[in-house]
């Protein structure tokens, strides 16, 4: 598994916004407000994913679900960047888990 180029490009843009002008960049504004603001935004986006999924389940427009997941991924990448992490770190963790059952992986985390 490799990190898709689009995620790497986005991660590079997010890194470039660190220390940027909060009045000129939404991401710079999030960084300037700190991780609590980023976490709040992730919570909002996660809720919107849930609502869009429920709408899709009942015949709603699936593209709205895709859009909300994109927003969640975006803000998750902002959080990773805030902590000097990126998509490659997440891909590495998924690769580490490859071949493990979900139940086995979860049991390892509780030990």
PDB file of N, CA and C in Angstrom:
ATOM      1  N   UNK A   1       0.860  -1.170   0.000  1.00  0.00           N
ATOM      2  CA  UNK A   1       0.000   0.000   0.000  1.00  0.00           C
ATOM      3  C   UNK A   1       0.907   1.233   0.000  1.00  0.00           C
ATOM      4  N   UNK A   2       0.574   2.207  -0.785  1.00  0.00           N
ATOM      5  CA  UNK A   2       1.354   3.445  -0.772  1.00  0.00           C
ATOM      6  C   UNK A   2       0.410   4.622  -0.610  1.00  0.00           C
ATOM      7  N   UNK A   3       0.965   5.708  -0.145  1.00  0.00           N
ATOM      8  CA  UNK A   3       0.166   6.905   0.060  1.00  0.00           C
ATOM      9  C   UNK A   3      -0.156   7.529  -1.287  1.00  0.00           C
ATOM     10  N   UNK A   4      -1.427   7.685  -1.609  1.00  0.00           N
ATOM     11  CA  UNK A   4      -1.786   8.300  -2.894  1.00  0.00           C
ATOM     12  C   UNK A   4      -1.180   9.697  -3.037  1.00  0.00           C
ATOM     13  N   UNK A   5      -0.775   9.997  -4.260  1.00  0.00           N
ATOM     14  CA  UNK A   5      -0.162  11.300  -4.539  1.00  0.00           C
ATOM     15  C   UNK A   5      -1.028  12.461  -4.074  1.00  0.00           C
ATOM     16  N   UNK A   6      -2.346  12.345  -4.229  1.00  0.00           N
ATOM     17  CA  UNK A   6      -3.218  13.462  -3.852  1.00  0.00           C
ATOM     18  C   UNK A   6      -3.148  13.731  -2.354  1.00  0.00           C
ATOM     19  N   UNK A   7      -3.015  12.685  -1.536  1.00  0.00           N
ATOM     20  CA  UNK A   7      -2.882  12.895  -0.092  1.00  0.00           C
ATOM     21  C   UNK A   7      -1.530  13.526   0.241  1.00  0.00           C
ATOM     22  N   UNK A   8      -0.486  13.098  -0.473  1.00  0.00           N
ATOM     23  CA  UNK A   8       0.838  13.682  -0.242  1.00  0.00           C
ATOM     24  C   UNK A   8       0.864  15.152  -0.640  1.00  0.00           C
ATOM     25  N   UNK A   9       0.221  15.470  -1.749  1.00  0.00           N
ATOM     26  CA  UNK A   9       0.158  16.866  -2.190  1.00  0.00           C
ATOM     27  C   UNK A   9      -0.603  17.716  -1.179  1.00  0.00           C
ATOM     28  N   UNK A  10      -1.730  17.208  -0.716  1.00  0.00           N
ATOM     29  CA  UNK A  10      -2.514  17.936   0.275  1.00  0.00           C
ATOM     30  C   UNK A  10      -1.714  18.109   1.563  1.00  0.00           C
ATOM     31  N   UNK A  11      -1.020  17.052   2.004  1.00  0.00           N
ATOM     32  CA  UNK A  11      -0.212  17.148   3.217  1.00  0.00           C
ATOM     33  C   UNK A  11       0.856  18.230   3.067  1.00  0.00           C
ATOM     34  N   UNK A  12       1.449  18.333   1.884  1.00  0.00           N
ATOM     35  CA  UNK A  12       2.469  19.362   1.643  1.00  0.00           C
ATOM     36  C   UNK A  12       1.859  20.761   1.716  1.00  0.00           C
ATOM     37  N   UNK A  13       0.663  20.922   1.173  1.00  0.00           N
ATOM     38  CA  UNK A  13      -0.016  22.220   1.247  1.00  0.00           C
ATOM     39  C   UNK A  13      -0.322  22.562   2.702  1.00  0.00           C
ATOM     40  N   UNK A  14      -0.800  21.590   3.454  1.00  0.00           N
ATOM     41  CA  UNK A  14      -1.114  21.844   4.859  1.00  0.00           C
ATOM     42  C   UNK A  14       0.139  22.258   5.623  1.00  0.00           C
ATOM     43  N   UNK A  15       1.237  21.574   5.385  1.00  0.00           N
ATOM     44  CA  UNK A  15       2.508  21.941   6.037  1.00  0.00           C
ATOM     45  C   UNK A  15       2.892  23.378   5.704  1.00  0.00           C
ATOM     46  N   UNK A  16       2.666  23.764   4.452  1.00  0.00           N
ATOM     47  CA  UNK A  16       3.047  25.114   4.016  1.00  0.00           C
ATOM     48  C   UNK A  16       2.205  26.194   4.692  1.00  0.00           C
ATOM     49  N   UNK A  17       1.071  25.824   5.247  1.00  0.00           N
ATOM     50  CA  UNK A  17       0.192  26.791   5.901  1.00  0.00           C
ATOM     51  C   UNK A  17       0.556  27.039   7.360  1.00  0.00           C
ATOM     52  N   UNK A  18       1.409  26.181   7.920  1.00  0.00           N
ATOM     53  CA  UNK A  18       1.838  26.383   9.308  1.00  0.00           C
ATOM     54  C   UNK A  18       2.540  27.730   9.408  1.00  0.00           C
ATOM     55  N   UNK A  19       2.135  28.518  10.367  1.00  0.00           N
ATOM     56  CA  UNK A  19       2.734  29.828  10.552  1.00  0.00           C
ATOM     57  C   UNK A  19       2.271  30.858   9.534  1.00  0.00           C
ATOM     58  N   UNK A  20       1.315  30.466   8.692  1.00  0.00           N
ATOM     59  CA  UNK A  20       0.787  31.388   7.696  1.00  0.00           C
ATOM     60  C   UNK A  20      -0.154  32.404   8.305  1.00  0.00           C
ATOM     61  N   UNK A  21      -0.624  33.288   7.469  1.00  0.00           N
ATOM     62  CA  UNK A  21      -1.513  34.364   7.891  1.00  0.00           C
ATOM     63  C   UNK A  21      -2.921  33.824   8.106  1.00  0.00           C
ATOM     64  N   UNK A  22      -3.406  33.821   9.349  1.00  0.00           N
ATOM     65  CA  UNK A  22      -4.757  33.322   9.625  1.00  0.00           C
ATOM     66  C   UNK A  22      -5.857  34.085   8.892  1.00  0.00           C
ATOM     67  N   UNK A  23      -5.571  35.329   8.507  1.00  0.00           N
ATOM     68  CA  UNK A  23      -6.577  36.107   7.780  1.00  0.00           C
ATOM     69  C   UNK A  23      -6.631  35.701   6.312  1.00  0.00           C
ATOM     70  N   UNK A  24      -5.586  35.038   5.832  1.00  0.00           N
ATOM     71  CA  UNK A  24      -5.511  34.688   4.413  1.00  0.00           C
ATOM     72  C   UNK A  24      -5.732  33.209   4.135  1.00  0.00           C
ATOM     73  N   UNK A  25      -5.731  32.376   5.180  1.00  0.00           N
ATOM     74  CA  UNK A  25      -5.821  30.924   4.971  1.00  0.00           C
ATOM     75  C   UNK A  25      -6.657  30.282   6.069  1.00  0.00           C
ATOM     76  N   UNK A  26      -7.646  29.512   5.656  1.00  0.00           N
ATOM     77  CA  UNK A  26      -8.488  28.778   6.600  1.00  0.00           C
ATOM     78  C   UNK A  26      -7.635  27.820   7.429  1.00  0.00           C
ATOM     79  N   UNK A  27      -6.717  27.116   6.783  1.00  0.00           N
ATOM     80  CA  UNK A  27      -5.882  26.149   7.492  1.00  0.00           C
ATOM     81  C   UNK A  27      -4.944  26.870   8.462  1.00  0.00           C
ATOM     82  N   UNK A  28      -4.363  27.975   8.039  1.00  0.00           N
ATOM     83  CA  UNK A  28      -3.505  28.754   8.942  1.00  0.00           C
ATOM     84  C   UNK A  28      -4.313  29.215  10.153  1.00  0.00           C
ATOM     85  N   UNK A  29      -5.563  29.570   9.941  1.00  0.00           N
ATOM     86  CA  UNK A  29      -6.432  29.985  11.047  1.00  0.00           C
ATOM     87  C   UNK A  29      -6.652  28.822  12.017  1.00  0.00           C
ATOM     88  N   UNK A  30      -6.913  27.622  11.475  1.00  0.00           N
ATOM     89  CA  UNK A  30      -7.079  26.454  12.348  1.00  0.00           C
ATOM     90  C   UNK A  30      -5.806  26.191  13.147  1.00  0.00           C
ATOM     91  N   UNK A  31      -4.650  26.212  12.461  1.00  0.00           N
ATOM     92  CA  UNK A  31      -3.386  25.996  13.161  1.00  0.00           C
ATOM     93  C   UNK A  31      -3.187  27.036  14.266  1.00  0.00           C
ATOM     94  N   UNK A  32      -3.519  28.274  13.977  1.00  0.00           N
ATOM     95  CA  UNK A  32      -3.297  29.339  14.959  1.00  0.00           C
ATOM     96  C   UNK A  32      -4.199  29.188  16.181  1.00  0.00           C
ATOM     97  N   UNK A  33      -5.359  28.573  16.001  1.00  0.00           N
ATOM     98  CA  UNK A  33      -6.288  28.377  17.123  1.00  0.00           C
ATOM     99  C   UNK A  33      -5.911  27.174  17.989  1.00  0.00           C
ATOM    100  N   UNK A  34      -5.059  26.290  17.459  1.00  0.00           N
ATOM    101  CA  UNK A  34      -4.593  25.139  18.233  1.00  0.00           C
ATOM    102  C   UNK A  34      -5.418  23.889  18.037  1.00  0.00           C
ATOM    103  N   UNK A  35      -4.970  22.845  18.714  1.00  0.00           N
ATOM    104  CA  UNK A  35      -5.588  21.547  18.470  1.00  0.00           C
ATOM    105  C   UNK A  35      -7.030  21.446  18.956  1.00  0.00           C
ATOM    106  N   UNK A  36      -7.420  22.206  19.971  1.00  0.00           N
ATOM    107  CA  UNK A  36      -8.817  22.140  20.407  1.00  0.00           C
ATOM    108  C   UNK A  36      -9.767  22.585  19.290  1.00  0.00           C
ATOM    109  N   UNK A  37      -9.395  23.606  18.542  1.00  0.00           N
ATOM    110  CA  UNK A  37     -10.234  24.066  17.428  1.00  0.00           C
ATOM    111  C   UNK A  37     -10.280  23.021  16.318  1.00  0.00           C
ATOM    112  N   UNK A  38      -9.153  22.393  16.066  1.00  0.00           N
ATOM    113  CA  UNK A  38      -9.108  21.349  15.031  1.00  0.00           C
ATOM    114  C   UNK A  38      -9.948  20.159  15.466  1.00  0.00           C
ATOM    115  N   UNK A  39      -9.819  19.776  16.732  1.00  0.00           N
ATOM    116  CA  UNK A  39     -10.605  18.647  17.250  1.00  0.00           C
ATOM    117  C   UNK A  39     -12.103  18.941  17.206  1.00  0.00           C
ATOM    118  N   UNK A  40     -12.480  20.155  17.520  1.00  0.00           N
ATOM    119  CA  UNK A  40     -13.888  20.538  17.456  1.00  0.00           C
ATOM    120  C   UNK A  40     -14.400  20.387  16.026  1.00  0.00           C
ATOM    121  N   UNK A  41     -13.590  20.820  15.073  1.00  0.00           N
ATOM    122  CA  UNK A  41     -13.994  20.727  13.668  1.00  0.00           C
ATOM    123  C   UNK A  41     -14.117  19.266  13.246  1.00  0.00           C
ATOM    124  N   UNK A  42     -13.213  18.411  13.695  1.00  0.00           N
ATOM    125  CA  UNK A  42     -13.295  16.991  13.371  1.00  0.00           C
ATOM    126  C   UNK A  42     -14.578  16.392  13.952  1.00  0.00           C
ATOM    127  N   UNK A  43     -14.928  16.778  15.161  1.00  0.00           N
ATOM    128  CA  UNK A  43     -16.173  16.293  15.759  1.00  0.00           C
ATOM    129  C   UNK A  43     -17.387  16.708  14.948  1.00  0.00           C
ATOM    130  N   UNK A  44     -17.385  17.950  14.490  1.00  0.00           N
ATOM    131  CA  UNK A  44     -18.492  18.434  13.657  1.00  0.00           C
ATOM    132  C   UNK A  44     -18.566  17.640  12.351  1.00  0.00           C
ATOM    133  N   UNK A  45     -17.411  17.449  11.737  1.00  0.00           N
ATOM    134  CA  UNK A  45     -17.385  16.730  10.455  1.00  0.00           C
ATOM    135  C   UNK A  45     -17.795  15.273  10.629  1.00  0.00           C
ATOM    136  N   UNK A  46     -17.373  14.641  11.723  1.00  0.00           N
ATOM    137  CA  UNK A  46     -17.761  13.250  11.971  1.00  0.00           C
ATOM    138  C   UNK A  46     -19.277  13.134  12.120  1.00  0.00           C
ATOM    139  N   UNK A  47     -19.871  14.090  12.809  1.00  0.00           N
ATOM    140  CA  UNK A  47     -21.327  14.093  12.954  1.00  0.00           C
ATOM    141  C   UNK A  47     -22.002  14.251  11.601  1.00  0.00           C
ATOM    142  N   UNK A  48     -21.450  15.111  10.753  1.00  0.00           N
ATOM    143  CA  UNK A  48     -22.015  15.307   9.416  1.00  0.00           C
ATOM    144  C   UNK A  48     -21.878  14.047   8.558  1.00  0.00           C
ATOM    145  N   UNK A  49     -20.799  13.278   8.759  1.00  0.00           N
ATOM    146  CA  UNK A  49     -20.647  12.001   8.049  1.00  0.00           C
ATOM    147  C   UNK A  49     -21.758  11.046   8.474  1.00  0.00           C
ATOM    148  N   UNK A  50     -22.003  10.971   9.769  1.00  0.00           N
ATOM    149  CA  UNK A  50     -23.049  10.083  10.276  1.00  0.00           C
ATOM    150  C   UNK A  50     -24.403  10.473   9.694  1.00  0.00           C
ATOM    151  N   UNK A  51     -24.703  11.755   9.701  1.00  0.00           N
ATOM    152  CA  UNK A  51     -25.997  12.210   9.179  1.00  0.00           C
ATOM    153  C   UNK A  51     -26.110  11.929   7.680  1.00  0.00           C
ATOM    154  N   UNK A  52     -25.043  12.157   6.935  1.00  0.00           N
ATOM    155  CA  UNK A  52     -25.072  11.901   5.494  1.00  0.00           C
ATOM    156  C   UNK A  52     -25.211  10.409   5.206  1.00  0.00           C
ATOM    157  N   UNK A  53     -24.573   9.578   6.015  1.00  0.00           N
ATOM    158  CA  UNK A  53     -24.693   8.130   5.832  1.00  0.00           C
ATOM    159  C   UNK A  53     -26.126   7.671   6.082  1.00  0.00           C
ATOM    160  N   UNK A  54     -26.748   8.218   7.112  1.00  0.00           N
ATOM    161  CA  UNK A  54     -28.143   7.861   7.389  1.00  0.00           C
ATOM    162  C   UNK A  54     -29.053   8.326   6.251  1.00  0.00           C
ATOM    163  N   UNK A  55     -28.795   9.521   5.719  1.00  0.00           N
ATOM    164  CA  UNK A  55     -29.575   9.995   4.571  1.00  0.00           C
ATOM    165  C   UNK A  55     -29.375   9.081   3.362  1.00  0.00           C
ATOM    166  N   UNK A  56     -28.120   8.676   3.127  1.00  0.00           N
ATOM    167  CA  UNK A  56     -27.818   7.797   1.999  1.00  0.00           C
ATOM    168  C   UNK A  56     -28.516   6.454   2.167  1.00  0.00           C
ATOM    169  N   UNK A  57     -28.532   5.949   3.378  1.00  0.00           N
ATOM    170  CA  UNK A  57     -29.200   4.677   3.670  1.00  0.00           C
ATOM    171  C   UNK A  57     -30.678   4.736   3.281  1.00  0.00           C
ATOM    172  N   UNK A  58     -31.261   5.910   3.370  1.00  0.00           N
ATOM    173  CA  UNK A  58     -32.680   6.082   3.063  1.00  0.00           C
ATOM    174  C   UNK A  58     -32.900   6.689   1.685  1.00  0.00           C
ATOM    175  N   UNK A  59     -31.929   6.490   0.790  1.00  0.00           N
ATOM    176  CA  UNK A  59     -32.102   6.924  -0.593  1.00  0.00           C
ATOM    177  C   UNK A  59     -31.556   8.300  -0.914  1.00  0.00           C
ATOM    178  N   UNK A  60     -30.895   8.925   0.036  1.00  0.00           N
ATOM    179  CA  UNK A  60     -30.323  10.248  -0.211  1.00  0.00           C
ATOM    180  C   UNK A  60     -29.152  10.190  -1.176  1.00  0.00           C
ATOM    181  N   UNK A  61     -28.688  11.341  -1.559  1.00  0.00           N
ATOM    182  CA  UNK A  61     -27.607  11.497  -2.526  1.00  0.00           C
ATOM    183  C   UNK A  61     -26.284  11.031  -1.925  1.00  0.00           C
ATOM    184  N   UNK A  62     -25.723   9.939  -2.472  1.00  0.00           N
ATOM    185  CA  UNK A  62     -24.473   9.372  -1.955  1.00  0.00           C
ATOM    186  C   UNK A  62     -23.296  10.328  -2.126  1.00  0.00           C
ATOM    187  N   UNK A  63     -23.388  11.253  -3.073  1.00  0.00           N
ATOM    188  CA  UNK A  63     -22.279  12.199  -3.255  1.00  0.00           C
ATOM    189  C   UNK A  63     -22.136  13.117  -2.044  1.00  0.00           C
ATOM    190  N   UNK A  64     -23.228  13.324  -1.322  1.00  0.00           N
ATOM    191  CA  UNK A  64     -23.137  14.135  -0.093  1.00  0.00           C
ATOM    192  C   UNK A  64     -22.331  13.396   0.971  1.00  0.00           C
ATOM    193  N   UNK A  65     -22.490  12.085   1.036  1.00  0.00           N
ATOM    194  CA  UNK A  65     -21.692  11.281   1.960  1.00  0.00           C
ATOM    195  C   UNK A  65     -20.215  11.366   1.591  1.00  0.00           C
ATOM    196  N   UNK A  66     -19.916  11.251   0.317  1.00  0.00           N
ATOM    197  CA  UNK A  66     -18.526  11.353  -0.141  1.00  0.00           C
ATOM    198  C   UNK A  66     -17.954  12.719   0.229  1.00  0.00           C
ATOM    199  N   UNK A  67     -18.724  13.763   0.025  1.00  0.00           N
ATOM    200  CA  UNK A  67     -18.267  15.110   0.366  1.00  0.00           C
ATOM    201  C   UNK A  67     -17.988  15.274   1.845  1.00  0.00           C
ATOM    202  N   UNK A  68     -18.852  14.713   2.662  1.00  0.00           N
ATOM    203  CA  UNK A  68     -18.651  14.821   4.114  1.00  0.00           C
ATOM    204  C   UNK A  68     -17.442  14.007   4.570  1.00  0.00           C
ATOM    205  N   UNK A  69     -17.239  12.834   3.982  1.00  0.00           N
ATOM    206  CA  UNK A  69     -16.053  12.045   4.322  1.00  0.00           C
ATOM    207  C   UNK A  69     -14.797  12.793   3.880  1.00  0.00           C
ATOM    208  N   UNK A  70     -14.856  13.443   2.726  1.00  0.00           N
ATOM    209  CA  UNK A  70     -13.716  14.251   2.276  1.00  0.00           C
ATOM    210  C   UNK A  70     -13.411  15.355   3.283  1.00  0.00           C
ATOM    211  N   UNK A  71     -14.447  16.014   3.799  1.00  0.00           N
ATOM    212  CA  UNK A  71     -14.244  17.053   4.816  1.00  0.00           C
ATOM    213  C   UNK A  71     -13.603  16.467   6.075  1.00  0.00           C
ATOM    214  N   UNK A  72     -14.054  15.287   6.486  1.00  0.00           N
ATOM    215  CA  UNK A  72     -13.503  14.633   7.671  1.00  0.00           C
ATOM    216  C   UNK A  72     -12.038  14.259   7.451  1.00  0.00           C
ATOM    217  N   UNK A  73     -11.745  13.690   6.290  1.00  0.00           N
ATOM    218  CA  UNK A  73     -10.352  13.332   5.983  1.00  0.00           C
ATOM    219  C   UNK A  73      -9.488  14.586   5.977  1.00  0.00           C
ATOM    220  N   UNK A  74      -9.987  15.646   5.354  1.00  0.00           N
ATOM    221  CA  UNK A  74      -9.226  16.894   5.277  1.00  0.00           C
ATOM    222  C   UNK A  74      -8.854  17.390   6.672  1.00  0.00           C
ATOM    223  N   UNK A  75      -9.843  17.484   7.535  1.00  0.00           N
ATOM    224  CA  UNK A  75      -9.592  18.004   8.874  1.00  0.00           C
ATOM    225  C   UNK A  75      -8.739  17.033   9.696  1.00  0.00           C
ATOM    226  N   UNK A  76      -8.856  15.745   9.432  1.00  0.00           N
ATOM    227  CA  UNK A  76      -7.977  14.770  10.086  1.00  0.00           C
ATOM    228  C   UNK A  76      -6.530  14.981   9.646  1.00  0.00           C
ATOM    229  N   UNK A  77      -6.337  15.301   8.367  1.00  0.00           N
ATOM    230  CA  UNK A  77      -4.988  15.598   7.877  1.00  0.00           C
ATOM    231  C   UNK A  77      -4.440  16.881   8.496  1.00  0.00           C
ATOM    232  N   UNK A  78      -5.310  17.858   8.723  1.00  0.00           N
ATOM    233  CA  UNK A  78      -4.885  19.078   9.412  1.00  0.00           C
ATOM    234  C   UNK A  78      -4.397  18.720  10.820  1.00  0.00           C
ATOM    235  N   UNK A  79      -5.130  17.870  11.517  1.00  0.00           N
ATOM    236  CA  UNK A  79      -4.734  17.461  12.859  1.00  0.00           C
ATOM    237  C   UNK A  79      -3.396  16.723  12.832  1.00  0.00           C
ATOM    238  N   UNK A  80      -3.242  15.796  11.895  1.00  0.00           N
ATOM    239  CA  UNK A  80      -1.972  15.094  11.783  1.00  0.00           C
ATOM    240  C   UNK A  80      -0.824  16.080  11.569  1.00  0.00           C
ATOM    241  N   UNK A  81      -1.019  17.029  10.659  1.00  0.00           N
ATOM    242  CA  UNK A  81       0.019  18.021  10.374  1.00  0.00           C
ATOM    243  C   UNK A  81       0.344  18.842  11.616  1.00  0.00           C
ATOM    244  N   UNK A  82      -0.678  19.160  12.383  1.00  0.00           N
ATOM    245  CA  UNK A  82      -0.465  19.922  13.618  1.00  0.00           C
ATOM    246  C   UNK A  82       0.527  19.212  14.534  1.00  0.00           C
ATOM    247  N   UNK A  83       0.473  17.884  14.536  1.00  0.00           N
ATOM    248  CA  UNK A  83       1.359  17.084  15.374  1.00  0.00           C
ATOM    249  C   UNK A  83       2.560  16.530  14.602  1.00  0.00           C
ATOM    250  N   UNK A  84       2.873  17.174  13.471  1.00  0.00           N
ATOM    251  CA  UNK A  84       4.012  16.778  12.626  1.00  0.00           C
ATOM    252  C   UNK A  84       3.928  15.335  12.160  1.00  0.00           C
ATOM    253  N   UNK A  85       2.722  14.910  11.821  1.00  0.00           N
ATOM    254  CA  UNK A  85       2.462  13.593  11.258  1.00  0.00           C
ATOM    255  C   UNK A  85       1.815  13.793   9.896  1.00  0.00           C
ATOM    256  N   UNK A  86       1.650  12.719   9.159  1.00  0.00           N
ATOM    257  CA  UNK A  86       1.032  12.837   7.855  1.00  0.00           C
ATOM    258  C   UNK A  86       0.392  11.546   7.406  1.00  0.00           C
ATOM    259  N   UNK A  87      -0.114  11.539   6.180  1.00  0.00           N
ATOM    260  CA  UNK A  87      -0.803  10.356   5.672  1.00  0.00           C
ATOM    261  C   UNK A  87       0.082   9.117   5.649  1.00  0.00           C
ATOM    262  N   UNK A  88       1.370   9.274   5.421  1.00  0.00           N
ATOM    263  CA  UNK A  88       2.263   8.112   5.395  1.00  0.00           C
ATOM    264  C   UNK A  88       2.280   7.397   6.747  1.00  0.00           C
ATOM    265  N   UNK A  89       2.124   8.153   7.830  1.00  0.00           N
ATOM    266  CA  UNK A  89       2.080   7.536   9.158  1.00  0.00           C
ATOM    267  C   UNK A  89       0.838   6.669   9.319  1.00  0.00           C
ATOM    268  N   UNK A  90      -0.271   7.127   8.793  1.00  0.00           N
ATOM    269  CA  UNK A  90      -1.519   6.361   8.876  1.00  0.00           C
ATOM    270  C   UNK A  90      -1.421   5.125   7.983  1.00  0.00           C
ATOM    271  N   UNK A  91      -0.889   5.294   6.780  1.00  0.00           N
ATOM    272  CA  UNK A  91      -0.721   4.153   5.866  1.00  0.00           C
ATOM    273  C   UNK A  91       0.186   3.107   6.505  1.00  0.00           C
ATOM    274  N   UNK A  92       1.270   3.539   7.143  1.00  0.00           N
ATOM    275  CA  UNK A  92       2.178   2.595   7.810  1.00  0.00           C
ATOM    276  C   UNK A  92       1.453   1.814   8.898  1.00  0.00           C
ATOM    277  N   UNK A  93       0.590   2.491   9.639  1.00  0.00           N
ATOM    278  CA  UNK A  93      -0.175   1.799  10.685  1.00  0.00           C
ATOM    279  C   UNK A  93      -1.155   0.795  10.073  1.00  0.00           C
ATOM    280  N   UNK A  94      -1.805   1.180   8.983  1.00  0.00           N
ATOM    281  CA  UNK A  94      -2.718   0.242   8.315  1.00  0.00           C
ATOM    282  C   UNK A  94      -1.955  -0.959   7.779  1.00  0.00           C
ATOM    283  N   UNK A  95      -0.760  -0.729   7.241  1.00  0.00           N
ATOM    284  CA  UNK A  95       0.065  -1.837   6.755  1.00  0.00           C
ATOM    285  C   UNK A  95       0.472  -2.751   7.903  1.00  0.00           C
ATOM    286  N   UNK A  96       0.776  -2.174   9.057  1.00  0.00           N
ATOM    287  CA  UNK A  96       1.136  -2.976  10.228  1.00  0.00           C
ATOM    288  C   UNK A  96      -0.016  -3.895  10.625  1.00  0.00           C
ATOM    289  N   UNK A  97      -1.224  -3.409  10.459  1.00  0.00           N
ATOM    290  CA  UNK A  97      -2.407  -4.187  10.840  1.00  0.00           C
ATOM    291  C   UNK A  97      -2.840  -5.188   9.778  1.00  0.00           C
ATOM    292  N   UNK A  98      -2.286  -5.071   8.586  1.00  0.00           N
ATOM    293  CA  UNK A  98      -2.699  -5.942   7.483  1.00  0.00           C
ATOM    294  C   UNK A  98      -2.525  -7.405   7.874  1.00  0.00           C
ATOM    295  N   UNK A  99      -3.549  -8.189   7.608  1.00  0.00           N
ATOM    296  CA  UNK A  99      -3.505  -9.608   7.910  1.00  0.00           C
ATOM    297  C   UNK A  99      -3.993  -9.960   9.303  1.00  0.00           C
ATOM    298  N   UNK A 100      -4.185  -8.969  10.149  1.00  0.00           N
ATOM    299  CA  UNK A 100      -4.743  -9.220  11.473  1.00  0.00           C
ATOM    300  C   UNK A 100      -6.259  -9.127  11.397  1.00  0.00           C
ATOM    301  N   UNK A 101      -6.926  -9.963  12.135  1.00  0.00           N
ATOM    302  CA  UNK A 101      -8.365  -9.774  12.209  1.00  0.00           C
ATOM    303  C   UNK A 101      -8.624  -8.539  13.046  1.00  0.00           C
ATOM    304  N   UNK A 102      -9.746  -7.900  12.809  1.00  0.00           N
ATOM    305  CA  UNK A 102     -10.096  -6.723  13.588  1.00  0.00           C
ATOM    306  C   UNK A 102     -10.190  -7.024  15.071  1.00  0.00           C
ATOM    307  N   UNK A 103     -10.703  -8.200  15.396  1.00  0.00           N
ATOM    308  CA  UNK A 103     -10.834  -8.574  16.805  1.00  0.00           C
ATOM    309  C   UNK A 103      -9.463  -8.787  17.435  1.00  0.00           C
ATOM    310  N   UNK A 104      -8.549  -9.407  16.681  1.00  0.00           N
ATOM    311  CA  UNK A 104      -7.198  -9.639  17.201  1.00  0.00           C
ATOM    312  C   UNK A 104      -6.467  -8.316  17.400  1.00  0.00           C
ATOM    313  N   UNK A 105      -6.586  -7.425  16.437  1.00  0.00           N
ATOM    314  CA  UNK A 105      -5.921  -6.126  16.533  1.00  0.00           C
ATOM    315  C   UNK A 105      -6.440  -5.342  17.723  1.00  0.00           C
ATOM    316  N   UNK A 106      -7.745  -5.353  17.915  1.00  0.00           N
ATOM    317  CA  UNK A 106      -8.334  -4.627  19.037  1.00  0.00           C
ATOM    318  C   UNK A 106      -7.889  -5.213  20.364  1.00  0.00           C
ATOM    319  N   UNK A 107      -7.803  -6.529  20.447  1.00  0.00           N
ATOM    320  CA  UNK A 107      -7.357  -7.186  21.678  1.00  0.00           C
ATOM    321  C   UNK A 107      -5.914  -6.797  22.009  1.00  0.00           C
ATOM    322  N   UNK A 108      -5.083  -6.646  20.986  1.00  0.00           N
ATOM    323  CA  UNK A 108      -3.688  -6.242  21.218  1.00  0.00           C
ATOM    324  C   UNK A 108      -3.595  -4.835  21.799  1.00  0.00           C
ATOM    325  N   UNK A 109      -4.522  -3.960  21.400  1.00  0.00           N
ATOM    326  CA  UNK A 109      -4.494  -2.572  21.892  1.00  0.00           C
ATOM    327  C   UNK A 109      -4.843  -2.501  23.366  1.00  0.00           C
ATOM    328  N   UNK A 110      -5.645  -3.426  23.863  1.00  0.00           N
ATOM    329  CA  UNK A 110      -6.077  -3.364  25.270  1.00  0.00           C
ATOM    330  C   UNK A 110      -5.071  -3.999  26.210  1.00  0.00           C
ATOM    331  N   UNK A 111      -4.039  -4.645  25.681  1.00  0.00           N
ATOM    332  CA  UNK A 111      -3.048  -5.302  26.536  1.00  0.00           C
ATOM    333  C   UNK A 111      -1.991  -4.336  27.010  1.00  0.00           C
TER     334      UNK A 111
END
